[in-house]
Amino acid sequence: MAEFYSNSIFWVETDKVRPNPYQPRREFEEGPLRDLSESIRQYGVMQPLTVSRVEYQKDDGGIAVEYELIAGERRLRASRLAGLAQVPVIIRQGDTPQVKLELAIIENLQRADLNPVERAHAFMRLASEFKLQHTDIGKKIGRSREYVSNTLRILSLPEEILTALGQGKISEGHTRPLLMLIDRPEEQMVLFKEIMSKKVTVREAERAARNIAVDRARKVPRSADPEIAIFEARLQELLGERVRVEQDVIGGRVTISFMNPDELRSFVEQIHPADNQENMESQEQENSKTPEQDNTNQIVLEEIPVVAPVSQPDDSDLYSISSFSL
């Protein structure tokens, strides 16, 4: 009988097929679902759904039958949207909950239907509920143990990042640099917001994460100077969180990290917008001169802005900027 069920296609009422409780997929895009529904309305369901037969006792003591979906939820949803009364199914017998979950995962992976977060949660269920090792999970889906382990690491990211990843606002590649900062949550969220707002590429994000990690590893603990802390806070308010003021035994340094030339240009414009515009216009005029027009032997260096510290901190003016030329 089991072989008969497995090799035969049956037509069952659409409303008697209930969703798969082990379905790892949670997001179904409305547009593609409507397209599939229109195709099913015209041509029917081309590939049968896979279900298991479930018997249960009714209140009057009789036996009723339902069908639990194993694979094909997208086709089921589209069929209901198209108004089909019946759908074709293949009935599997004797599948355990673990096998049902495995089949659902494998079908979605083969169709590339799972987003990274759904895939990670599916692997977690196999590992936690059915006690499978990462190597075993990899064998079942045709992937390496490293692939499974790296996928599961995604779940250690904050919920805000996981939501953006599940919605496709950041790519799976962006999770690598974010995971590099897993023990630095503040820097991790700053980098995440940079990726979201400025469309930072994976390579740029990895470079930024490495720089943050190296900077923190090399940074020597120092006693907190309230005056320096005030200056750092004001600079961060002006230019952003990636400004660091470090004090040495003699003197110190101000470090501004940037992702790309556009961001650096933005910093310069915020510090001294008028001079920056004049310098850019002057440079454009200088570049436009022909060799015949530029008949001077004078060597001119562009003006270099210098930050001069103020002896007393003032709320209205953190620093003054002077210029000199050689």
C-alpha atoms as a PDB file:
ATOM      1  CA  MET A   1       0.000   0.000   0.000  1.00  0.00           C
ATOM      2  CA  ALA A   2       2.862   2.410   0.877  1.00  0.00           C
ATOM      3  CA  GLU A   3       4.449   1.828  -2.538  1.00  0.00           C
ATOM      4  CA  PHE A   4       1.078   2.403  -4.210  1.00  0.00           C
ATOM      5  CA  TYR A   5       0.676   5.762  -2.469  1.00  0.00           C
ATOM      6  CA  SER A   6       4.236   6.887  -3.262  1.00  0.00           C
ATOM      7  CA  ASN A   7       3.982   6.133  -6.976  1.00  0.00           C
ATOM      8  CA  SER A   8       0.478   7.514  -7.590  1.00  0.00           C
ATOM      9  CA  ILE A   9      -0.941  10.980  -8.059  1.00  0.00           C
ATOM     10  CA  PHE A  10      -4.238  11.801  -6.354  1.00  0.00           C
ATOM     11  CA  TRP A  11      -6.548  14.799  -6.564  1.00  0.00           C
ATOM     12  CA  VAL A  12      -7.608  16.095  -3.167  1.00  0.00           C
ATOM     13  CA  GLU A  13      -9.687  19.069  -2.037  1.00  0.00           C
ATOM     14  CA  THR A  14      -7.547  22.167  -1.625  1.00  0.00           C
ATOM     15  CA  ASP A  15      -9.109  23.031   1.723  1.00  0.00           C
ATOM     16  CA  LYS A  16      -8.142  19.605   3.113  1.00  0.00           C
ATOM     17  CA  VAL A  17      -4.415  20.300   2.691  1.00  0.00           C
ATOM     18  CA  ARG A  18      -3.012  21.972   5.780  1.00  0.00           C
ATOM     19  CA  PRO A  19       0.350  23.778   5.957  1.00  0.00           C
ATOM     20  CA  ASN A  20       3.557  22.003   6.843  1.00  0.00           C
ATOM     21  CA  PRO A  21       4.386  22.735  10.524  1.00  0.00           C
ATOM     22  CA  TYR A  22       8.044  22.133   9.641  1.00  0.00           C
ATOM     23  CA  GLN A  23       8.087  24.609   6.747  1.00  0.00           C
ATOM     24  CA  PRO A  24      11.277  26.671   7.185  1.00  0.00           C
ATOM     25  CA  ARG A  25      10.165  29.363   4.777  1.00  0.00           C
ATOM     26  CA  ARG A  26       8.277  32.299   6.281  1.00  0.00           C
ATOM     27  CA  GLU A  27       8.393  34.964   3.551  1.00  0.00           C
ATOM     28  CA  PHE A  28       6.388  34.570   0.330  1.00  0.00           C
ATOM     29  CA  GLU A  29       6.667  37.515  -2.072  1.00  0.00           C
ATOM     30  CA  GLU A  30       3.270  38.683  -3.212  1.00  0.00           C
ATOM     31  CA  GLY A  31       4.244  39.571  -6.795  1.00  0.00           C
ATOM     32  CA  PRO A  32       5.740  36.201  -7.828  1.00  0.00           C
ATOM     33  CA  LEU A  33       2.896  34.428  -6.003  1.00  0.00           C
ATOM     34  CA  ARG A  34       0.333  36.283  -8.113  1.00  0.00           C
ATOM     35  CA  ASP A  35       2.272  35.428 -11.279  1.00  0.00           C
ATOM     36  CA  LEU A  36       2.282  31.734 -10.340  1.00  0.00           C
ATOM     37  CA  SER A  37      -1.429  31.932  -9.525  1.00  0.00           C
ATOM     38  CA  GLU A  38      -2.200  33.327 -12.975  1.00  0.00           C
ATOM     39  CA  SER A  39      -0.130  30.576 -14.595  1.00  0.00           C
ATOM     40  CA  ILE A  40      -1.960  27.906 -12.555  1.00  0.00           C
ATOM     41  CA  ARG A  41      -5.293  29.446 -13.490  1.00  0.00           C
ATOM     42  CA  GLN A  42      -4.422  29.043 -17.187  1.00  0.00           C
ATOM     43  CA  TYR A  43      -2.460  25.788 -17.262  1.00  0.00           C
ATOM     44  CA  GLY A  44      -3.115  24.065 -13.932  1.00  0.00           C
ATOM     45  CA  VAL A  45      -0.584  22.739 -11.388  1.00  0.00           C
ATOM     46  CA  MET A  46       2.239  21.232 -13.449  1.00  0.00           C
ATOM     47  CA  GLN A  47       4.040  19.536 -10.530  1.00  0.00           C
ATOM     48  CA  PRO A  48       2.125  17.660  -7.789  1.00  0.00           C
ATOM     49  CA  LEU A  49       2.405  18.651  -4.151  1.00  0.00           C
ATOM     50  CA  THR A  50       3.933  16.201  -1.688  1.00  0.00           C
ATOM     51  CA  VAL A  51       1.748  15.427   1.341  1.00  0.00           C
ATOM     52  CA  SER A  52       1.282  12.891   4.111  1.00  0.00           C
ATOM     53  CA  ARG A  53      -2.114  11.386   4.976  1.00  0.00           C
ATOM     54  CA  VAL A  54      -3.395  12.202   8.453  1.00  0.00           C
ATOM     55  CA  GLU A  55      -6.434  10.495   9.992  1.00  0.00           C
ATOM     56  CA  TYR A  56      -8.250  11.940  12.987  1.00  0.00           C
ATOM     57  CA  GLN A  57     -11.409  11.162  14.927  1.00  0.00           C
ATOM     58  CA  LYS A  58     -14.398  13.466  14.559  1.00  0.00           C
ATOM     59  CA  ASP A  59     -16.693  14.495  17.395  1.00  0.00           C
ATOM     60  CA  ASP A  60     -19.325  11.979  16.288  1.00  0.00           C
ATOM     61  CA  GLY A  61     -16.796   9.152  16.477  1.00  0.00           C
ATOM     62  CA  GLY A  62     -16.196   8.862  12.752  1.00  0.00           C
ATOM     63  CA  ILE A  63     -12.815   9.008  11.018  1.00  0.00           C
ATOM     64  CA  ALA A  64     -11.861  11.962   8.831  1.00  0.00           C
ATOM     65  CA  VAL A  65      -8.820  12.453   6.614  1.00  0.00           C
ATOM     66  CA  GLU A  66      -6.610  15.504   6.080  1.00  0.00           C
ATOM     67  CA  TYR A  67      -3.352  15.939   4.224  1.00  0.00           C
ATOM     68  CA  GLU A  68      -0.308  17.569   5.761  1.00  0.00           C
ATOM     69  CA  LEU A  69       1.867  19.388   3.273  1.00  0.00           C
ATOM     70  CA  ILE A  70       5.500  18.297   3.038  1.00  0.00           C
ATOM     71  CA  ALA A  71       6.626  20.185  -0.064  1.00  0.00           C
ATOM     72  CA  GLY A  72       4.900  22.677  -2.351  1.00  0.00           C
ATOM     73  CA  GLU A  73       3.484  25.386  -0.083  1.00  0.00           C
ATOM     74  CA  ARG A  74       4.021  28.082  -2.712  1.00  0.00           C
ATOM     75  CA  ARG A  75       2.034  26.024  -5.242  1.00  0.00           C
ATOM     76  CA  LEU A  76      -0.692  25.446  -2.640  1.00  0.00           C
ATOM     77  CA  ARG A  77      -0.987  29.163  -1.850  1.00  0.00           C
ATOM     78  CA  ALA A  78      -1.100  30.063  -5.548  1.00  0.00           C
ATOM     79  CA  SER A  79      -3.727  27.351  -6.207  1.00  0.00           C
ATOM     80  CA  ARG A  80      -5.945  28.771  -3.488  1.00  0.00           C
ATOM     81  CA  LEU A  81      -5.411  32.249  -4.900  1.00  0.00           C
ATOM     82  CA  ALA A  82      -6.456  30.935  -8.321  1.00  0.00           C
ATOM     83  CA  GLY A  83      -9.603  29.407  -6.830  1.00  0.00           C
ATOM     84  CA  LEU A  84      -8.782  25.740  -7.549  1.00  0.00           C
ATOM     85  CA  ALA A  85     -11.060  23.286  -5.773  1.00  0.00           C
ATOM     86  CA  GLN A  86      -8.572  20.384  -6.052  1.00  0.00           C
ATOM     87  CA  VAL A  87      -4.813  19.990  -6.388  1.00  0.00           C
ATOM     88  CA  PRO A  88      -2.698  17.018  -7.497  1.00  0.00           C
ATOM     89  CA  VAL A  89      -0.675  15.382  -4.735  1.00  0.00           C
ATOM     90  CA  ILE A  90       1.735  12.526  -4.127  1.00  0.00           C
ATOM     91  CA  ILE A  91       1.061  10.884  -0.758  1.00  0.00           C
ATOM     92  CA  ARG A  92       4.085   9.778   1.268  1.00  0.00           C
ATOM     93  CA  GLN A  93       3.726   7.256   4.075  1.00  0.00           C
ATOM     94  CA  GLY A  94       5.658   6.752   7.283  1.00  0.00           C
ATOM     95  CA  ASP A  95       7.729   9.952   7.295  1.00  0.00           C
ATOM     96  CA  THR A  96       8.967  11.085  10.697  1.00  0.00           C
ATOM     97  CA  PRO A  97       8.907  14.787  11.699  1.00  0.00           C
ATOM     98  CA  GLN A  98      12.654  14.919  11.025  1.00  0.00           C
ATOM     99  CA  VAL A  99      12.215  13.606   7.478  1.00  0.00           C
ATOM    100  CA  LYS A 100       9.413  16.112   6.839  1.00  0.00           C
ATOM    101  CA  LEU A 101      11.650  18.968   7.929  1.00  0.00           C
ATOM    102  CA  GLU A 102      14.546  17.658   5.846  1.00  0.00           C
ATOM    103  CA  LEU A 103      12.353  17.359   2.752  1.00  0.00           C
ATOM    104  CA  ALA A 104      10.998  20.880   3.213  1.00  0.00           C
ATOM    105  CA  ILE A 105      14.504  22.308   3.619  1.00  0.00           C
ATOM    106  CA  ILE A 106      15.909  20.411   0.646  1.00  0.00           C
ATOM    107  CA  GLU A 107      13.065  21.487  -1.638  1.00  0.00           C
ATOM    108  CA  ASN A 108      13.502  25.152  -0.688  1.00  0.00           C
ATOM    109  CA  LEU A 109      17.274  24.994  -1.037  1.00  0.00           C
ATOM    110  CA  GLN A 110      17.008  23.406  -4.471  1.00  0.00           C
ATOM    111  CA  ARG A 111      14.689  26.213  -5.541  1.00  0.00           C
ATOM    112  CA  ALA A 112      16.792  28.879  -3.770  1.00  0.00           C
ATOM    113  CA  ASP A 113      13.616  29.981  -1.974  1.00  0.00           C
ATOM    114  CA  LEU A 114      15.007  30.373   1.552  1.00  0.00           C
ATOM    115  CA  ASN A 115      16.575  33.643   2.634  1.00  0.00           C
ATOM    116  CA  PRO A 116      19.726  33.354   4.821  1.00  0.00           C
ATOM    117  CA  VAL A 117      17.830  33.821   8.104  1.00  0.00           C
ATOM    118  CA  GLU A 118      15.213  31.183   7.246  1.00  0.00           C
ATOM    119  CA  ARG A 119      17.965  28.779   6.232  1.00  0.00           C
ATOM    120  CA  ALA A 120      19.824  29.387   9.509  1.00  0.00           C
ATOM    121  CA  HIS A 121      16.673  28.755  11.562  1.00  0.00           C
ATOM    122  CA  ALA A 122      16.019  25.548   9.599  1.00  0.00           C
ATOM    123  CA  PHE A 123      19.544  24.293  10.328  1.00  0.00           C
ATOM    124  CA  MET A 124      19.078  25.209  13.983  1.00  0.00           C
ATOM    125  CA  ARG A 125      15.921  23.083  14.178  1.00  0.00           C
ATOM    126  CA  LEU A 126      17.757  20.110  12.709  1.00  0.00           C
ATOM    127  CA  ALA A 127      20.563  20.590  15.219  1.00  0.00           C
ATOM    128  CA  SER A 128      18.470  21.301  18.320  1.00  0.00           C
ATOM    129  CA  GLU A 129      15.307  19.235  17.818  1.00  0.00           C
ATOM    130  CA  PHE A 130      16.842  16.218  16.080  1.00  0.00           C
ATOM    131  CA  LYS A 131      20.382  16.395  17.526  1.00  0.00           C
ATOM    132  CA  LEU A 132      22.119  16.371  14.154  1.00  0.00           C
ATOM    133  CA  GLN A 133      25.775  17.391  13.919  1.00  0.00           C
ATOM    134  CA  HIS A 134      26.819  20.084  11.453  1.00  0.00           C
ATOM    135  CA  THR A 135      28.517  17.434   9.337  1.00  0.00           C
ATOM    136  CA  ASP A 136      25.292  15.384   9.183  1.00  0.00           C
ATOM    137  CA  ILE A 137      23.241  18.421   8.156  1.00  0.00           C
ATOM    138  CA  GLY A 138      25.771  19.206   5.447  1.00  0.00           C
ATOM    139  CA  LYS A 139      25.563  15.688   4.030  1.00  0.00           C
ATOM    140  CA  LYS A 140      21.761  15.807   3.875  1.00  0.00           C
ATOM    141  CA  ILE A 141      21.699  19.044   1.886  1.00  0.00           C
ATOM    142  CA  GLY A 142      24.836  18.440  -0.176  1.00  0.00           C
ATOM    143  CA  ARG A 143      26.914  21.165   1.503  1.00  0.00           C
ATOM    144  CA  SER A 144      30.064  21.273   3.631  1.00  0.00           C
ATOM    145  CA  ARG A 145      30.194  21.370   7.400  1.00  0.00           C
ATOM    146  CA  GLU A 146      31.741  24.854   7.192  1.00  0.00           C
ATOM    147  CA  TYR A 147      28.770  26.080   5.174  1.00  0.00           C
ATOM    148  CA  VAL A 148      26.373  24.885   7.870  1.00  0.00           C
ATOM    149  CA  SER A 149      28.471  26.329  10.726  1.00  0.00           C
ATOM    150  CA  ASN A 150      28.842  29.720   9.027  1.00  0.00           C
ATOM    151  CA  THR A 151      25.116  29.832   8.316  1.00  0.00           C
ATOM    152  CA  LEU A 152      24.286  29.126  11.970  1.00  0.00           C
ATOM    153  CA  ARG A 153      26.639  31.907  13.122  1.00  0.00           C
ATOM    154  CA  ILE A 154      24.283  34.420  11.493  1.00  0.00           C
ATOM    155  CA  LEU A 155      21.779  33.840  14.314  1.00  0.00           C
ATOM    156  CA  SER A 156      24.187  35.449  16.808  1.00  0.00           C
ATOM    157  CA  LEU A 157      23.599  38.847  15.154  1.00  0.00           C
ATOM    158  CA  PRO A 158      21.126  41.312  16.731  1.00  0.00           C
ATOM    159  CA  GLU A 159      17.487  41.069  15.678  1.00  0.00           C
ATOM    160  CA  GLU A 160      17.613  44.396  13.831  1.00  0.00           C
ATOM    161  CA  ILE A 161      20.378  43.098  11.578  1.00  0.00           C
ATOM    162  CA  LEU A 162      18.623  39.747  11.061  1.00  0.00           C
ATOM    163  CA  THR A 163      15.452  41.563  10.001  1.00  0.00           C
ATOM    164  CA  ALA A 164      17.355  43.616   7.424  1.00  0.00           C
ATOM    165  CA  LEU A 165      19.081  40.475   6.142  1.00  0.00           C
ATOM    166  CA  GLY A 166      15.796  38.562   5.853  1.00  0.00           C
ATOM    167  CA  GLN A 167      14.243  41.456   3.930  1.00  0.00           C
ATOM    168  CA  GLY A 168      17.201  41.647   1.526  1.00  0.00           C
ATOM    169  CA  LYS A 169      18.288  45.120   2.673  1.00  0.00           C
ATOM    170  CA  ILE A 170      21.798  43.790   3.276  1.00  0.00           C
ATOM    171  CA  SER A 171      23.446  40.770   1.671  1.00  0.00           C
ATOM    172  CA  GLU A 172      24.673  37.601   3.325  1.00  0.00           C
ATOM    173  CA  GLY A 173      28.207  38.745   2.505  1.00  0.00           C
ATOM    174  CA  HIS A 174      27.717  41.759   4.787  1.00  0.00           C
ATOM    175  CA  THR A 175      27.256  39.442   7.764  1.00  0.00           C
ATOM    176  CA  ARG A 176      30.949  38.450   7.679  1.00  0.00           C
ATOM    177  CA  PRO A 177      32.344  41.863   8.686  1.00  0.00           C
ATOM    178  CA  LEU A 178      29.475  42.376  11.134  1.00  0.00           C
ATOM    179  CA  LEU A 179      30.300  39.044  12.805  1.00  0.00           C
ATOM    180  CA  MET A 180      33.920  40.194  13.130  1.00  0.00           C
ATOM    181  CA  LEU A 181      32.612  42.815  15.580  1.00  0.00           C
ATOM    182  CA  ILE A 182      30.353  40.452  17.533  1.00  0.00           C
ATOM    183  CA  ASP A 183      32.126  41.346  20.821  1.00  0.00           C
ATOM    184  CA  ARG A 184      31.932  45.088  20.047  1.00  0.00           C
ATOM    185  CA  PRO A 185      28.186  45.748  19.775  1.00  0.00           C
ATOM    186  CA  GLU A 186      28.461  49.540  19.531  1.00  0.00           C
ATOM    187  CA  GLU A 187      30.922  49.454  16.628  1.00  0.00           C
ATOM    188  CA  GLN A 188      28.893  46.642  15.057  1.00  0.00           C
ATOM    189  CA  MET A 189      25.724  48.768  14.993  1.00  0.00           C
ATOM    190  CA  VAL A 190      27.625  51.795  13.661  1.00  0.00           C
ATOM    191  CA  LEU A 191      28.978  49.704  10.789  1.00  0.00           C
ATOM    192  CA  PHE A 192      25.525  48.200  10.149  1.00  0.00           C
ATOM    193  CA  LYS A 193      23.946  51.652   9.897  1.00  0.00           C
ATOM    194  CA  GLU A 194      26.726  52.751   7.534  1.00  0.00           C
ATOM    195  CA  ILE A 195      25.996  49.736   5.310  1.00  0.00           C
ATOM    196  CA  MET A 196      22.286  50.529   5.316  1.00  0.00           C
ATOM    197  CA  SER A 197      22.466  54.289   4.764  1.00  0.00           C
ATOM    198  CA  LYS A 198      25.462  54.579   2.441  1.00  0.00           C
ATOM    199  CA  LYS A 199      25.239  51.317   0.468  1.00  0.00           C
ATOM    200  CA  VAL A 200      28.673  50.189   1.650  1.00  0.00           C
ATOM    201  CA  THR A 201      30.002  47.233  -0.342  1.00  0.00           C
ATOM    202  CA  VAL A 202      31.035  43.962   1.293  1.00  0.00           C
ATOM    203  CA  ARG A 203      34.719  44.679   0.612  1.00  0.00           C
ATOM    204  CA  GLU A 204      34.507  48.163   2.135  1.00  0.00           C
ATOM    205  CA  ALA A 205      32.687  46.782   5.181  1.00  0.00           C
ATOM    206  CA  GLU A 206      35.327  44.067   5.678  1.00  0.00           C
ATOM    207  CA  ARG A 207      38.106  46.654   5.490  1.00  0.00           C
ATOM    208  CA  ALA A 208      36.322  48.848   8.027  1.00  0.00           C
ATOM    209  CA  ALA A 209      35.770  45.913  10.416  1.00  0.00           C
ATOM    210  CA  ARG A 210      39.454  44.936  10.202  1.00  0.00           C
ATOM    211  CA  ASN A 211      40.531  48.517  10.904  1.00  0.00           C
ATOM    212  CA  ILE A 212      38.268  48.679  13.963  1.00  0.00           C
ATOM    213  CA  ALA A 213      39.587  45.353  15.257  1.00  0.00           C
ATOM    214  CA  VAL A 214      43.233  46.352  14.764  1.00  0.00           C
ATOM    215  CA  ASP A 215      42.670  49.784  16.292  1.00  0.00           C
ATOM    216  CA  ARG A 216      41.082  48.315  19.402  1.00  0.00           C
ATOM    217  CA  ALA A 217      43.805  45.660  19.728  1.00  0.00           C
ATOM    218  CA  ARG A 218      46.593  48.250  19.582  1.00  0.00           C
ATOM    219  CA  LYS A 219      44.934  50.868  21.741  1.00  0.00           C
ATOM    220  CA  VAL A 220      46.756  51.301  25.076  1.00  0.00           C
ATOM    221  CA  PRO A 221      44.555  52.052  28.083  1.00  0.00           C
ATOM    222  CA  ARG A 222      44.976  55.607  29.322  1.00  0.00           C
ATOM    223  CA  SER A 223      43.593  57.628  32.181  1.00  0.00           C
ATOM    224  CA  ALA A 224      40.438  59.471  31.232  1.00  0.00           C
ATOM    225  CA  ASP A 225      41.003  63.201  30.742  1.00  0.00           C
ATOM    226  CA  PRO A 226      37.669  65.026  31.098  1.00  0.00           C
ATOM    227  CA  GLU A 227      38.772  67.851  28.832  1.00  0.00           C
ATOM    228  CA  ILE A 228      39.867  65.435  26.076  1.00  0.00           C
ATOM    229  CA  ALA A 229      36.618  63.503  26.494  1.00  0.00           C
ATOM    230  CA  ILE A 230      34.639  66.721  25.983  1.00  0.00           C
ATOM    231  CA  PHE A 231      36.585  67.528  22.823  1.00  0.00           C
ATOM    232  CA  GLU A 232      36.062  63.992  21.496  1.00  0.00           C
ATOM    233  CA  ALA A 233      32.315  64.165  22.199  1.00  0.00           C
ATOM    234  CA  ARG A 234      32.010  67.498  20.358  1.00  0.00           C
ATOM    235  CA  LEU A 235      33.949  66.199  17.382  1.00  0.00           C
ATOM    236  CA  GLN A 236      31.776  63.092  17.264  1.00  0.00           C
ATOM    237  CA  GLU A 237      28.671  65.273  17.362  1.00  0.00           C
ATOM    238  CA  LEU A 238      30.023  67.279  14.426  1.00  0.00           C
ATOM    239  CA  LEU A 239      31.486  64.489  12.267  1.00  0.00           C
ATOM    240  CA  GLY A 240      30.033  61.207  13.495  1.00  0.00           C
ATOM    241  CA  GLU A 241      30.899  58.369  15.839  1.00  0.00           C
ATOM    242  CA  ARG A 242      34.066  57.304  14.000  1.00  0.00           C
ATOM    243  CA  VAL A 243      36.179  60.116  15.446  1.00  0.00           C
ATOM    244  CA  ARG A 244      38.760  59.181  18.073  1.00  0.00           C
ATOM    245  CA  VAL A 245      40.934  61.495  20.191  1.00  0.00           C
ATOM    246  CA  GLU A 246      43.933  59.741  21.727  1.00  0.00           C
ATOM    247  CA  GLN A 247      46.315  61.396  24.163  1.00  0.00           C
ATOM    248  CA  ASP A 248      49.945  60.331  24.483  1.00  0.00           C
ATOM    249  CA  VAL A 249      52.484  61.316  27.099  1.00  0.00           C
ATOM    250  CA  ILE A 250      53.288  64.330  24.953  1.00  0.00           C
ATOM    251  CA  GLY A 251      50.590  65.518  22.594  1.00  0.00           C
ATOM    252  CA  GLY A 252      48.172  63.165  20.908  1.00  0.00           C
ATOM    253  CA  ARG A 253      46.190  62.623  17.716  1.00  0.00           C
ATOM    254  CA  VAL A 254      42.725  62.959  16.231  1.00  0.00           C
ATOM    255  CA  THR A 255      41.707  60.032  13.988  1.00  0.00           C
ATOM    256  CA  ILE A 256      38.757  60.159  11.583  1.00  0.00           C
ATOM    257  CA  SER A 257      37.898  56.869   9.892  1.00  0.00           C
ATOM    258  CA  PHE A 258      36.107  57.011   6.544  1.00  0.00           C
ATOM    259  CA  MET A 259      34.669  54.462   4.120  1.00  0.00           C
ATOM    260  CA  ASN A 260      35.302  56.163   0.788  1.00  0.00           C
ATOM    261  CA  PRO A 261      36.467  59.472  -0.786  1.00  0.00           C
ATOM    262  CA  ASP A 262      32.921  60.863  -0.803  1.00  0.00           C
ATOM    263  CA  GLU A 263      32.669  60.500   2.943  1.00  0.00           C
ATOM    264  CA  LEU A 264      36.071  62.128   3.410  1.00  0.00           C
ATOM    265  CA  ARG A 265      34.930  65.029   1.240  1.00  0.00           C
ATOM    266  CA  SER A 266      31.849  65.359   3.431  1.00  0.00           C
ATOM    267  CA  PHE A 267      34.026  65.576   6.555  1.00  0.00           C
ATOM    268  CA  VAL A 268      36.170  68.318   5.012  1.00  0.00           C
ATOM    269  CA  GLU A 269      33.099  70.303   3.968  1.00  0.00           C
ATOM    270  CA  GLN A 270      31.692  70.116   7.493  1.00  0.00           C
ATOM    271  CA  ILE A 271      34.954  71.355   9.019  1.00  0.00           C
ATOM    272  CA  HIS A 272      35.493  74.280   6.639  1.00  0.00           C
ATOM    273  CA  PRO A 273      32.957  74.421   3.788  1.00  0.00           C
ATOM    274  CA  ALA A 274      33.880  77.873   2.396  1.00  0.00           C
ATOM    275  CA  ASP A 275      37.624  77.305   2.069  1.00  0.00           C
ATOM    276  CA  ASN A 276      37.044  73.838   0.685  1.00  0.00           C
ATOM    277  CA  GLN A 277      34.861  75.194  -2.120  1.00  0.00           C
ATOM    278  CA  GLU A 278      37.376  77.933  -2.922  1.00  0.00           C
ATOM    279  CA  ASN A 279      40.232  75.428  -3.019  1.00  0.00           C
ATOM    280  CA  MET A 280      38.246  73.132  -5.329  1.00  0.00           C
ATOM    281  CA  GLU A 281      37.429  76.004  -7.713  1.00  0.00           C
ATOM    282  CA  SER A 282      41.039  77.207  -7.632  1.00  0.00           C
ATOM    283  CA  GLN A 283      42.278  73.691  -8.336  1.00  0.00           C
ATOM    284  CA  GLU A 284      39.866  73.324 -11.267  1.00  0.00           C
ATOM    285  CA  GLN A 285      41.085  76.624 -12.762  1.00  0.00           C
ATOM    286  CA  GLU A 286      44.708  75.577 -12.285  1.00  0.00           C
ATOM    287  CA  ASN A 287      44.081  72.228 -13.964  1.00  0.00           C
ATOM    288  CA  SER A 288      42.376  73.932 -16.900  1.00  0.00           C
ATOM    289  CA  LYS A 289      45.449  76.028 -17.760  1.00  0.00           C
ATOM    290  CA  THR A 290      47.467  75.012 -20.783  1.00  0.00           C
ATOM    291  CA  PRO A 291      51.283  74.824 -20.634  1.00  0.00           C
ATOM    292  CA  GLU A 292      51.463  78.074 -22.675  1.00  0.00           C
ATOM    293  CA  GLN A 293      49.249  79.919 -20.171  1.00  0.00           C
ATOM    294  CA  ASP A 294      51.228  78.745 -17.160  1.00  0.00           C
ATOM    295  CA  ASN A 295      54.557  80.437 -17.905  1.00  0.00           C
ATOM    296  CA  THR A 296      55.662  80.998 -14.312  1.00  0.00           C
ATOM    297  CA  ASN A 297      58.464  79.117 -12.609  1.00  0.00           C
ATOM    298  CA  GLN A 298      56.911  79.551  -9.173  1.00  0.00           C
ATOM    299  CA  ILE A 299      56.023  76.405  -7.236  1.00  0.00           C
ATOM    300  CA  VAL A 300      52.838  76.851  -5.202  1.00  0.00           C
ATOM    301  CA  LEU A 301      51.693  74.432  -2.534  1.00  0.00           C
ATOM    302  CA  GLU A 302      47.993  74.299  -1.720  1.00  0.00           C
ATOM    303  CA  GLU A 303      46.945  75.663   1.631  1.00  0.00           C
ATOM    304  CA  ILE A 304      46.945  73.138   4.434  1.00  0.00           C
ATOM    305  CA  PRO A 305      44.354  73.576   7.196  1.00  0.00           C
ATOM    306  CA  VAL A 306      45.878  73.357  10.662  1.00  0.00           C
ATOM    307  CA  VAL A 307      43.919  72.731  13.830  1.00  0.00           C
ATOM    308  CA  ALA A 308      45.125  74.991  16.621  1.00  0.00           C
ATOM    309  CA  PRO A 309      44.037  73.894  20.109  1.00  0.00           C
ATOM    310  CA  VAL A 310      42.163  76.381  22.235  1.00  0.00           C
ATOM    311  CA  SER A 311      43.456  76.903  25.724  1.00  0.00           C
ATOM    312  CA  GLN A 312      40.008  77.101  27.275  1.00  0.00           C
ATOM    313  CA  PRO A 313      37.100  74.959  26.018  1.00  0.00           C
ATOM    314  CA  ASP A 314      34.191  77.048  24.838  1.00  0.00           C
ATOM    315  CA  ASP A 315      30.691  75.766  23.960  1.00  0.00           C
ATOM    316  CA  SER A 316      30.547  77.949  20.884  1.00  0.00           C
ATOM    317  CA  ASP A 317      33.980  77.155  19.455  1.00  0.00           C
ATOM    318  CA  LEU A 318      35.887  73.893  19.883  1.00  0.00           C
ATOM    319  CA  TYR A 319      38.860  74.868  17.784  1.00  0.00           C
ATOM    320  CA  SER A 320      40.057  77.517  15.392  1.00  0.00           C
ATOM    321  CA  ILE A 321      41.435  76.831  11.912  1.00  0.00           C
ATOM    322  CA  SER A 322      44.299  78.820  10.403  1.00  0.00           C
ATOM    323  CA  SER A 323      46.086  78.374   7.081  1.00  0.00           C
ATOM    324  CA  PHE A 324      49.562  78.883   5.758  1.00  0.00           C
ATOM    325  CA  SER A 325      51.338  78.484   2.428  1.00  0.00           C
ATOM    326  CA  LEU A 326      54.925  77.927   1.417  1.00  0.00           C
END
